[in-house]
Amino acid sequence: MALGPMSKPYDAIILGAGQAGPPLAERLTGAGMKVALVERHHPGGTCVNTGCIPTKTLVASARAAHVARRARDFGVVIDGDVNIDMQAVKARKDEVALASRAGVTNWMESMEGLDFIRGHARFEGNRRIRVGDEVLEAERTFINVGARARVPDFTNGVPYWTNSDMMDVDFLPAHLIIIGGGYVGLEFAQMYRRFGSDVTVVEMADRILSREDEEVSTEVQTFLEAEGVEFRTAAECVELMERPAGVAVGVDCKDEPKVIEGSNVLLAVGRVPNTHDLGLETTDIKLDSRGFIEVDDELHTSVPSVWAIGEVNRRGAFTHTSYNDFEIVAENLLDEAGRKVTDRIPIYGVFIDPPLARVGMNDQEARASGRKVLFGRRAMARVGRARERGETSGFMKVLVDGDTGELLGATILGIQGDEAIHTIAALMYAGAPYETLRRSVHIHPTVAELLPTVVGSLEPLP
């Protein structure tokens, strides 16, 4: 490789220390490569710093408060009110997240063959990257820069929070208005309602969780409303306005009420990729209309020597898909494995309580596939574990190809569904027919034990 003047040569450069970056560095250095990993913020990426780990730690605190308030349902008497110390809640969250960040940092700093560089990387051509005063060059570059919360143009200069800002909140908002009825918005909605805030969710679509089946949206809204979360769907003309006591959100042009007033507002309206300040205009790397990096089935960009992994490539917006991107790239590069993104079965969870778990197709997607689709469905009230815990909201549904017996997908909305869903996922990856599930013997009493029963009486999907 011909080097530019005063450039530092590497076998590989990785931009970003999120979920895919450090394990990729470990694989590449283990293969004898000299690697640079550049990170401009905190090691660990969104998951460790503002996503999975800190938010689920907050969810755990909110659930503890919820269970404590329900103590009498279980014959447990707690004298006095259940109060929330938000500074202690935040301190616990910080301790857990900082420990994870330190673990990632120590891992990289002790990795032989890796130069861990803190700074803002910018491309200067397809193979040259500048970090401050230093220029790096490599035969291979891996872009793992992630994404951030989208801020729409209706804020009008009014103060707002994003999911990242919520990590610094150490007090209880009197009335939190959340714009966005998707995964992030609903997790914070339930969390802060359980902490004690009044909460209103404003959604511009006709229903929350609009990418899910309608029965999922209805069931989730029902149990969140039972906890006191208020909803305004089909909101038009959304805009923020300042008020002496906080903020107001305009939610409609014609219907009443046209304005909802609260103390604080959280924007949870999607994500945008961190590609705006990488100097990609100096390269031949192609972006899509939303700024995400276009990649092929093996995660190559339009420049053969550059890969894009993680949320920045729009092929998966989760920690587990980012890690799978690392596996695909590393095994194809080092082991000639021939792995592809399209071999991945979609799977994810929404960590409301009870959680929503999905793998493969839902009803909408199954109908659109043109297959003869059968389904089995059972209410969570049929699950012994759910009844024992007094948490019977939700249902489980499994979809099957009526001609081949192939498992097409499953939705579990209910207690421990985020764990039970892996029973279906593993069988789908193995290519096992639904009969394998029907004949399996599961432990009693568990949530997953009802799954064989669910597929034991299939009927056509309407």
Protein backbone atom coordinates (compact mmCIF):
# COMPACT_ATOMS: atom_id res chain seq x y z
CA MET A 1 0.00 0.00 0.00
CA ALA A 2 1.37 3.39 -1.00
CA LEU A 3 1.26 5.74 1.98
CA GLY A 4 0.64 9.45 1.95
CA PRO A 5 3.13 11.86 3.49
CA MET A 6 3.52 11.53 7.28
CA SER A 7 0.76 8.94 7.48
CA LYS A 8 0.71 6.07 9.96
CA PRO A 9 0.10 2.63 8.42
CA TYR A 10 -2.29 0.00 9.78
CA ASP A 11 -3.74 -3.23 8.55
CA ALA A 12 -7.18 -2.09 9.67
CA ILE A 13 -8.87 0.99 11.11
CA ILE A 14 -12.10 0.76 13.11
CA LEU A 15 -14.15 3.91 13.68
CA GLY A 16 -16.23 3.58 16.82
CA ALA A 17 -16.01 1.52 20.02
CA GLY A 18 -19.65 0.43 20.07
CA GLN A 19 -20.87 -3.14 20.24
CA ALA A 20 -19.12 -4.33 17.06
CA GLY A 21 -15.84 -2.41 17.32
CA PRO A 22 -13.90 -3.97 20.23
CA PRO A 23 -14.67 -7.63 19.39
CA LEU A 24 -13.69 -6.97 15.77
CA ALA A 25 -10.44 -5.44 16.98
CA GLU A 26 -9.80 -8.53 19.07
CA ARG A 27 -10.36 -10.87 16.13
CA LEU A 28 -8.18 -8.83 13.79
CA THR A 29 -5.31 -8.35 16.24
CA GLY A 30 -5.55 -12.04 17.11
CA ALA A 31 -4.93 -12.74 13.43
CA GLY A 32 -1.73 -10.72 13.60
CA MET A 33 -3.01 -7.43 12.20
CA LYS A 34 -1.98 -4.00 13.42
CA VAL A 35 -5.25 -2.20 14.19
CA ALA A 36 -6.29 1.33 15.15
CA LEU A 37 -9.64 1.88 16.87
CA VAL A 38 -10.80 5.50 17.05
CA GLU A 39 -13.51 6.67 19.47
CA ARG A 40 -14.52 10.30 19.96
CA HIS A 41 -16.90 9.84 22.88
CA HIS A 42 -17.28 7.04 25.43
CA PRO A 43 -16.27 3.43 24.76
CA GLY A 44 -19.21 1.05 24.63
CA GLY A 45 -21.39 3.06 22.27
CA THR A 46 -25.10 3.65 22.72
CA CYS A 47 -25.79 0.34 24.48
CA VAL A 48 -23.38 0.91 27.35
CA ASN A 49 -23.75 4.67 27.76
CA THR A 50 -27.26 5.83 26.84
CA GLY A 51 -29.13 2.72 25.69
CA CYS A 52 -29.60 -0.86 26.83
CA ILE A 53 -27.60 -1.02 30.03
CA PRO A 54 -28.50 2.29 31.72
CA THR A 55 -32.12 2.34 30.57
CA LYS A 56 -32.81 -1.23 31.64
CA THR A 57 -31.20 -0.42 34.99
CA LEU A 58 -33.73 2.42 35.31
CA VAL A 59 -36.51 0.05 34.22
CA ALA A 60 -35.47 -2.29 37.05
CA SER A 61 -35.79 0.52 39.60
CA ALA A 62 -39.20 1.47 38.23
CA ARG A 63 -40.35 -2.15 38.41
CA ALA A 64 -39.19 -2.39 42.02
CA ALA A 65 -41.39 0.61 42.86
CA HIS A 66 -44.32 -0.92 40.97
CA VAL A 67 -44.03 -4.26 42.75
CA ALA A 68 -43.70 -2.53 46.12
CA ARG A 69 -46.94 -0.64 45.51
CA ARG A 70 -48.63 -3.96 44.70
CA ALA A 71 -47.25 -5.67 47.79
CA ARG A 72 -50.67 -6.12 49.42
CA ASP A 73 -51.80 -8.14 46.39
CA PHE A 74 -49.28 -10.75 47.52
CA GLY A 75 -50.08 -10.53 51.22
CA VAL A 76 -47.09 -8.32 51.98
CA VAL A 77 -47.74 -5.24 54.10
CA ILE A 78 -45.56 -2.17 53.67
CA ASP A 79 -46.34 0.57 56.16
CA GLY A 80 -46.37 4.04 54.62
CA ASP A 81 -46.00 5.27 51.05
CA VAL A 82 -43.53 3.99 48.49
CA ASN A 83 -41.27 6.93 47.67
CA ILE A 84 -38.64 7.37 44.98
CA ASP A 85 -35.19 8.87 45.55
CA MET A 86 -34.34 9.89 41.99
CA GLN A 87 -30.78 10.82 42.87
CA ALA A 88 -30.25 7.32 44.25
CA VAL A 89 -31.93 5.83 41.17
CA LYS A 90 -29.57 7.78 38.91
CA ALA A 91 -26.55 6.88 41.05
CA ARG A 92 -27.36 3.18 40.73
CA LYS A 93 -27.78 3.54 36.98
CA ASP A 94 -24.46 5.41 36.72
CA GLU A 95 -22.64 2.74 38.72
CA VAL A 96 -23.86 -0.05 36.45
CA ALA A 97 -23.20 1.83 33.21
CA LEU A 98 -19.79 3.13 34.27
CA ALA A 99 -18.68 -0.36 35.25
CA SER A 100 -19.60 -1.59 31.77
CA ARG A 101 -17.79 1.33 30.14
CA ALA A 102 -14.70 0.68 32.23
CA GLY A 103 -14.77 -2.97 31.22
CA VAL A 104 -14.80 -2.08 27.52
CA THR A 105 -12.07 0.54 28.01
CA ASN A 106 -9.78 -1.80 29.93
CA TRP A 107 -10.33 -4.52 27.33
CA MET A 108 -9.19 -2.28 24.49
CA GLU A 109 -6.32 -0.65 26.36
CA SER A 110 -4.88 -4.07 27.20
CA MET A 111 -5.30 -5.51 23.70
CA GLU A 112 -1.96 -6.32 22.06
CA GLY A 113 -1.66 -5.01 18.53
CA LEU A 114 -4.35 -2.35 19.02
CA ASP A 115 -3.84 1.40 19.15
CA PHE A 116 -6.87 2.84 20.95
CA ILE A 117 -7.11 6.45 19.80
CA ARG A 118 -9.46 9.00 21.32
CA GLY A 119 -10.54 11.67 18.88
CA HIS A 120 -12.80 12.63 15.99
CA ALA A 121 -11.99 10.74 12.81
CA ARG A 122 -12.62 12.23 9.36
CA PHE A 123 -11.97 10.68 5.98
CA GLU A 124 -9.58 12.35 3.56
CA GLY A 125 -10.22 10.03 0.63
CA ASN A 126 -11.15 6.38 0.56
CA ARG A 127 -8.17 5.15 2.61
CA ARG A 128 -6.91 8.14 4.58
CA ILE A 129 -8.37 9.15 7.94
CA ARG A 130 -7.37 12.17 9.98
CA VAL A 131 -7.65 12.23 13.77
CA GLY A 132 -6.51 15.63 15.00
CA ASP A 133 -2.98 16.17 13.71
CA GLU A 134 -2.44 12.51 12.89
CA VAL A 135 -3.23 10.82 9.57
CA LEU A 136 -3.94 7.09 9.46
CA GLU A 137 -4.02 4.81 6.44
CA ALA A 138 -5.10 1.20 6.11
CA GLU A 139 -6.06 -1.44 3.58
CA ARG A 140 -9.32 -2.03 5.46
CA THR A 141 -11.60 0.38 7.29
CA PHE A 142 -14.69 -0.48 9.34
CA ILE A 143 -17.22 2.26 10.08
CA ASN A 144 -19.03 1.61 13.36
CA VAL A 145 -20.15 5.11 14.33
CA GLY A 146 -23.79 4.38 15.21
CA ALA A 147 -26.66 6.86 15.32
CA ARG A 148 -28.26 9.45 17.57
CA ALA A 149 -31.74 10.66 18.44
CA ARG A 150 -33.51 12.54 15.66
CA VAL A 151 -34.52 16.10 16.51
CA PRO A 152 -37.39 17.28 14.28
CA ASP A 153 -37.84 20.88 13.16
CA PHE A 154 -40.86 21.61 15.35
CA THR A 155 -38.93 22.33 18.56
CA ASN A 156 -38.95 26.14 18.03
CA GLY A 157 -36.02 26.64 20.37
CA VAL A 158 -37.92 25.15 23.31
CA PRO A 159 -35.78 23.01 25.67
CA TYR A 160 -36.26 19.27 25.20
CA TRP A 161 -34.71 15.96 26.20
CA THR A 162 -33.58 13.02 24.10
CA ASN A 163 -32.89 9.52 25.39
CA SER A 164 -29.26 10.58 25.95
CA ASP A 165 -30.29 13.61 28.01
CA MET A 166 -32.51 11.40 30.18
CA MET A 167 -29.38 9.76 31.54
CA ASP A 168 -28.58 13.00 33.42
CA VAL A 169 -32.03 13.50 34.97
CA ASP A 170 -31.91 13.12 38.75
CA PHE A 171 -35.32 14.57 39.66
CA LEU A 172 -38.94 13.63 39.08
CA PRO A 173 -40.63 15.63 36.30
CA ALA A 174 -44.09 16.73 37.34
CA HIS A 175 -45.59 15.96 33.92
CA LEU A 176 -43.41 14.36 31.25
CA ILE A 177 -44.72 14.64 27.70
CA ILE A 178 -43.17 12.08 25.38
CA ILE A 179 -43.39 12.67 21.65
CA GLY A 180 -43.24 9.27 19.99
CA GLY A 181 -45.14 6.09 20.76
CA GLY A 182 -42.44 3.69 19.66
CA TYR A 183 -40.08 1.45 21.61
CA VAL A 184 -38.02 4.16 23.30
CA GLY A 185 -40.97 6.40 24.10
CA LEU A 186 -43.01 3.64 25.72
CA GLU A 187 -40.14 2.37 27.86
CA PHE A 188 -39.62 5.85 29.31
CA ALA A 189 -43.36 6.42 29.61
CA GLN A 190 -43.94 3.40 31.84
CA MET A 191 -40.70 3.99 33.72
CA TYR A 192 -41.48 7.57 34.71
CA ARG A 193 -45.11 6.84 35.46
CA ARG A 194 -43.92 4.18 37.90
CA PHE A 195 -41.48 6.67 39.40
CA GLY A 196 -44.45 8.98 40.01
CA SER A 197 -44.59 11.48 37.14
CA ASP A 198 -47.72 12.25 35.19
CA VAL A 199 -46.97 11.02 31.66
CA THR A 200 -48.60 11.75 28.30
CA VAL A 201 -47.48 10.03 25.10
CA VAL A 202 -48.09 11.95 21.86
CA GLU A 203 -48.04 9.81 18.71
CA MET A 204 -48.57 11.15 15.19
CA ALA A 205 -49.69 7.79 13.79
CA ASP A 206 -53.15 6.38 14.42
CA ARG A 207 -51.77 3.99 17.04
CA ILE A 208 -48.68 3.36 19.11
CA LEU A 209 -46.17 0.72 17.98
CA SER A 210 -47.47 1.19 14.46
CA ARG A 211 -45.02 -1.35 13.01
CA GLU A 212 -46.55 -4.09 15.14
CA ASP A 213 -49.85 -5.89 14.64
CA GLU A 214 -52.86 -3.90 15.79
CA GLU A 215 -53.66 -6.34 18.60
CA VAL A 216 -50.21 -5.66 20.05
CA SER A 217 -50.73 -1.89 19.95
CA THR A 218 -54.15 -2.22 21.59
CA GLU A 219 -52.99 -4.54 24.36
CA VAL A 220 -49.92 -2.43 25.20
CA GLN A 221 -51.91 0.79 25.32
CA THR A 222 -54.52 -0.88 27.51
CA PHE A 223 -52.11 -2.02 30.22
CA LEU A 224 -50.13 1.23 30.15
CA GLU A 225 -53.35 3.23 30.51
CA ALA A 226 -54.22 1.03 33.48
CA GLU A 227 -51.00 2.29 35.11
CA GLY A 228 -51.97 5.90 34.42
CA VAL A 229 -50.12 6.73 31.20
CA GLU A 230 -52.22 8.97 28.94
CA PHE A 231 -52.11 8.82 25.14
CA ARG A 232 -52.85 11.19 22.30
CA THR A 233 -52.65 9.41 18.94
CA ALA A 234 -53.23 10.78 15.43
CA ALA A 235 -51.64 14.02 16.60
CA GLU A 236 -51.18 16.55 13.82
CA CYS A 237 -49.31 19.87 13.66
CA VAL A 238 -47.00 18.87 16.50
CA GLU A 239 -44.92 21.77 17.81
CA LEU A 240 -43.32 22.85 21.08
CA MET A 241 -44.17 26.07 22.91
CA GLU A 242 -42.75 27.51 26.10
CA ARG A 243 -44.95 28.05 29.15
CA PRO A 244 -44.08 29.69 32.50
CA ALA A 245 -44.27 26.33 34.28
CA GLY A 246 -42.64 24.26 31.56
CA VAL A 247 -43.60 23.35 28.04
CA ALA A 248 -46.66 22.91 25.86
CA VAL A 249 -47.01 20.55 22.93
CA GLY A 250 -49.37 21.42 20.10
CA VAL A 251 -51.00 18.18 19.02
CA ASP A 252 -53.69 19.05 16.50
CA CYS A 253 -54.91 21.68 14.09
CA LYS A 254 -58.63 20.99 14.50
CA ASP A 255 -59.61 18.71 17.39
CA GLU A 256 -59.60 19.51 21.10
CA PRO A 257 -57.51 19.73 23.13
CA LYS A 258 -55.12 21.39 20.72
CA VAL A 259 -52.38 21.80 23.32
CA ILE A 260 -51.06 19.57 26.12
CA GLU A 261 -49.11 21.34 28.85
CA GLY A 262 -46.42 19.69 30.94
CA SER A 263 -43.19 20.31 32.79
CA ASN A 264 -40.76 18.59 30.41
CA VAL A 265 -40.74 16.98 26.98
CA LEU A 266 -38.84 13.95 25.67
CA LEU A 267 -38.33 13.50 21.94
CA ALA A 268 -38.47 9.84 20.91
CA VAL A 269 -39.11 10.12 17.18
CA GLY A 270 -36.44 7.95 15.62
CA ARG A 271 -32.71 7.94 14.94
CA VAL A 272 -30.33 9.53 12.46
CA PRO A 273 -26.89 8.11 11.52
CA ASN A 274 -23.65 9.72 12.66
CA THR A 275 -22.41 10.17 9.10
CA HIS A 276 -22.75 13.95 8.87
CA ASP A 277 -19.27 14.85 10.06
CA LEU A 278 -17.05 11.96 8.89
CA GLY A 279 -15.77 13.63 5.74
CA LEU A 280 -17.55 11.03 3.59
CA GLU A 281 -17.92 13.62 0.85
CA THR A 282 -14.20 13.04 0.16
CA THR A 283 -14.86 9.35 -0.51
CA ASP A 284 -16.83 7.19 -2.92
CA ILE A 285 -18.94 5.76 -0.08
CA LYS A 286 -22.64 5.97 -0.96
CA LEU A 287 -25.37 7.01 1.48
CA ASP A 288 -29.10 6.46 1.24
CA SER A 289 -31.69 9.25 1.37
CA ARG A 290 -31.57 9.33 5.18
CA GLY A 291 -27.78 9.41 5.47
CA PHE A 292 -27.24 5.75 6.34
CA ILE A 293 -24.35 3.97 4.62
CA GLU A 294 -25.41 1.59 1.87
CA VAL A 295 -23.95 -1.91 2.20
CA ASP A 296 -24.23 -5.24 0.41
CA ASP A 297 -25.12 -8.58 1.94
CA GLU A 298 -21.62 -8.94 3.44
CA LEU A 299 -21.58 -5.34 4.73
CA HIS A 300 -19.19 -3.93 2.15
CA THR A 301 -19.81 -0.30 1.25
CA SER A 302 -19.50 1.02 -2.32
CA VAL A 303 -15.75 1.20 -1.61
CA PRO A 304 -14.48 -2.42 -1.52
CA SER A 305 -11.94 -1.73 1.24
CA VAL A 306 -14.53 -0.16 3.57
CA TRP A 307 -17.24 -1.93 5.58
CA ALA A 308 -20.09 -0.38 7.60
CA ILE A 309 -21.26 -2.25 10.69
CA GLY A 310 -23.85 -1.55 13.35
CA GLU A 311 -26.69 0.95 13.35
CA VAL A 312 -25.03 3.20 10.76
CA ASN A 313 -25.80 0.73 7.93
CA ARG A 314 -29.59 0.58 8.54
CA ARG A 315 -29.55 -3.23 8.45
CA GLY A 316 -30.32 -3.51 12.15
CA ALA A 317 -30.81 -1.02 14.96
CA PHE A 318 -30.06 -3.25 17.93
CA THR A 319 -27.07 -4.27 19.99
CA HIS A 320 -27.49 -7.90 18.98
CA THR A 321 -27.61 -7.06 15.25
CA SER A 322 -24.49 -4.92 15.63
CA TYR A 323 -22.67 -7.82 17.25
CA ASN A 324 -23.88 -10.10 14.49
CA ASP A 325 -22.47 -7.62 11.96
CA PHE A 326 -19.08 -8.07 13.63
CA GLU A 327 -19.41 -11.84 13.35
CA ILE A 328 -20.33 -11.68 9.67
CA VAL A 329 -17.44 -9.39 8.78
CA ALA A 330 -14.81 -11.16 10.88
CA GLU A 331 -15.73 -14.68 9.82
CA ASN A 332 -15.95 -13.76 6.14
CA LEU A 333 -12.62 -11.94 6.25
CA LEU A 334 -10.66 -14.41 8.36
CA ASP A 335 -12.47 -17.71 7.89
CA GLU A 336 -13.99 -17.33 4.40
CA ALA A 337 -17.31 -18.27 5.99
CA GLY A 338 -19.60 -16.77 3.36
CA ARG A 339 -22.01 -15.37 5.95
CA LYS A 340 -24.72 -12.91 4.86
CA VAL A 341 -26.93 -10.35 6.55
CA THR A 342 -29.99 -11.88 4.90
CA ASP A 343 -29.35 -15.13 6.80
CA ARG A 344 -30.27 -13.24 9.97
CA ILE A 345 -33.78 -13.76 11.32
CA PRO A 346 -35.27 -10.52 12.68
CA ILE A 347 -35.61 -10.67 16.45
CA TYR A 348 -35.99 -7.98 19.09
CA GLY A 349 -37.64 -6.99 22.32
CA VAL A 350 -39.43 -3.92 23.66
CA PHE A 351 -38.65 -3.68 27.37
CA ILE A 352 -41.91 -2.43 28.70
CA ASP A 353 -43.35 -4.53 31.50
CA PRO A 354 -44.53 -7.06 30.51
CA PRO A 355 -42.11 -7.11 27.58
CA LEU A 356 -42.89 -7.52 23.90
CA ALA A 357 -40.73 -10.03 22.03
CA ARG A 358 -40.77 -10.66 18.29
CA VAL A 359 -39.00 -13.11 15.97
CA GLY A 360 -39.53 -13.56 12.25
CA MET A 361 -42.81 -12.42 10.68
CA ASN A 362 -45.81 -10.82 12.29
CA ASP A 363 -49.37 -11.06 10.91
CA GLN A 364 -48.96 -8.18 8.47
CA GLU A 365 -45.76 -9.61 7.00
CA ALA A 366 -47.11 -13.16 6.85
CA ARG A 367 -50.17 -12.05 4.89
CA ALA A 368 -47.99 -10.06 2.49
CA SER A 369 -45.79 -13.13 1.86
CA GLY A 370 -48.54 -14.85 -0.10
CA ARG A 371 -48.15 -18.07 1.88
CA LYS A 372 -50.88 -20.21 3.35
CA VAL A 373 -50.41 -19.15 6.98
CA LEU A 374 -51.67 -20.90 10.09
CA PHE A 375 -51.49 -19.52 13.60
CA GLY A 376 -51.79 -20.58 17.20
CA ARG A 377 -52.63 -18.11 19.95
CA ARG A 378 -53.05 -18.26 23.70
CA ALA A 379 -53.64 -15.55 26.29
CA MET A 380 -50.94 -15.15 28.94
CA ALA A 381 -53.69 -15.76 31.49
CA ARG A 382 -53.34 -19.43 30.47
CA VAL A 383 -49.71 -19.47 31.66
CA GLY A 384 -49.23 -20.76 35.20
CA ARG A 385 -46.15 -18.60 35.79
CA ALA A 386 -48.10 -15.48 34.82
CA ARG A 387 -50.97 -16.32 37.17
CA GLU A 388 -48.59 -17.11 40.03
CA ARG A 389 -46.91 -13.72 39.57
CA GLY A 390 -50.21 -11.89 39.15
CA GLU A 391 -49.07 -10.58 35.74
CA THR A 392 -51.45 -11.95 33.14
CA SER A 393 -51.47 -9.17 30.52
CA GLY A 394 -50.69 -10.14 26.93
CA PHE A 395 -50.65 -13.19 24.70
CA MET A 396 -48.38 -15.44 22.67
CA LYS A 397 -48.85 -16.20 18.98
CA VAL A 398 -46.92 -18.48 16.61
CA LEU A 399 -47.20 -18.38 12.79
CA VAL A 400 -46.66 -21.49 10.64
CA ASP A 401 -46.51 -22.17 6.89
CA GLY A 402 -49.53 -24.38 6.29
CA ASP A 403 -47.92 -26.18 3.34
CA THR A 404 -44.43 -26.89 4.69
CA GLY A 405 -44.81 -26.72 8.48
CA GLU A 406 -42.07 -24.07 8.62
CA LEU A 407 -42.09 -21.78 11.64
CA LEU A 408 -42.54 -18.26 10.23
CA GLY A 409 -42.47 -16.16 13.37
CA ALA A 410 -43.80 -15.53 16.83
CA THR A 411 -44.94 -12.69 19.05
CA ILE A 412 -44.91 -12.97 22.82
CA LEU A 413 -46.32 -10.04 24.74
CA GLY A 414 -46.16 -11.07 28.34
CA ILE A 415 -44.11 -11.88 31.40
CA GLN A 416 -40.66 -13.27 30.48
CA GLY A 417 -41.58 -13.32 26.80
CA ASP A 418 -38.20 -11.78 26.00
CA GLU A 419 -36.60 -15.03 27.20
CA ALA A 420 -39.21 -17.51 25.95
CA ILE A 421 -39.00 -16.16 22.39
CA HIS A 422 -35.58 -17.78 21.97
CA THR A 423 -37.25 -21.19 22.00
CA ILE A 424 -38.84 -20.25 18.67
CA ALA A 425 -35.75 -18.48 17.34
CA ALA A 426 -33.48 -21.48 17.87
CA LEU A 427 -35.89 -23.80 16.08
CA MET A 428 -36.19 -21.37 13.17
CA TYR A 429 -32.40 -21.21 12.77
CA ALA A 430 -32.28 -25.00 12.88
CA GLY A 431 -34.92 -25.21 10.16
CA ALA A 432 -37.07 -27.41 12.38
CA PRO A 433 -40.79 -27.70 11.58
CA TYR A 434 -43.43 -26.67 14.06
CA GLU A 435 -44.00 -30.35 14.90
CA THR A 436 -40.63 -30.33 16.68
CA LEU A 437 -41.97 -27.66 18.99
CA ARG A 438 -45.32 -29.40 19.41
CA ARG A 439 -43.64 -32.63 20.55
CA SER A 440 -41.09 -31.01 22.85
CA VAL A 441 -41.34 -31.25 26.63
CA HIS A 442 -40.77 -28.04 28.56
CA ILE A 443 -40.27 -27.40 32.26
CA HIS A 444 -43.35 -26.69 34.36
CA PRO A 445 -44.17 -24.07 35.56
CA THR A 446 -42.56 -21.74 33.01
CA VAL A 447 -43.70 -19.33 30.32
CA ALA A 448 -42.21 -21.35 27.47
CA GLU A 449 -44.10 -24.48 28.50
CA LEU A 450 -47.26 -23.19 26.81
CA LEU A 451 -45.60 -22.88 23.38
CA PRO A 452 -46.11 -26.57 22.41
CA THR A 453 -49.78 -26.12 23.27
CA VAL A 454 -49.96 -22.96 21.16
CA VAL A 455 -48.92 -24.85 18.01
CA GLY A 456 -51.01 -27.87 18.92
CA SER A 457 -54.20 -26.34 17.53
CA LEU A 458 -53.47 -24.23 14.45
CA GLU A 459 -56.06 -22.45 12.34
CA PRO A 460 -55.92 -20.26 9.23
CA LEU A 461 -54.74 -16.70 9.73
CA PRO A 462 -57.71 -14.41 8.94
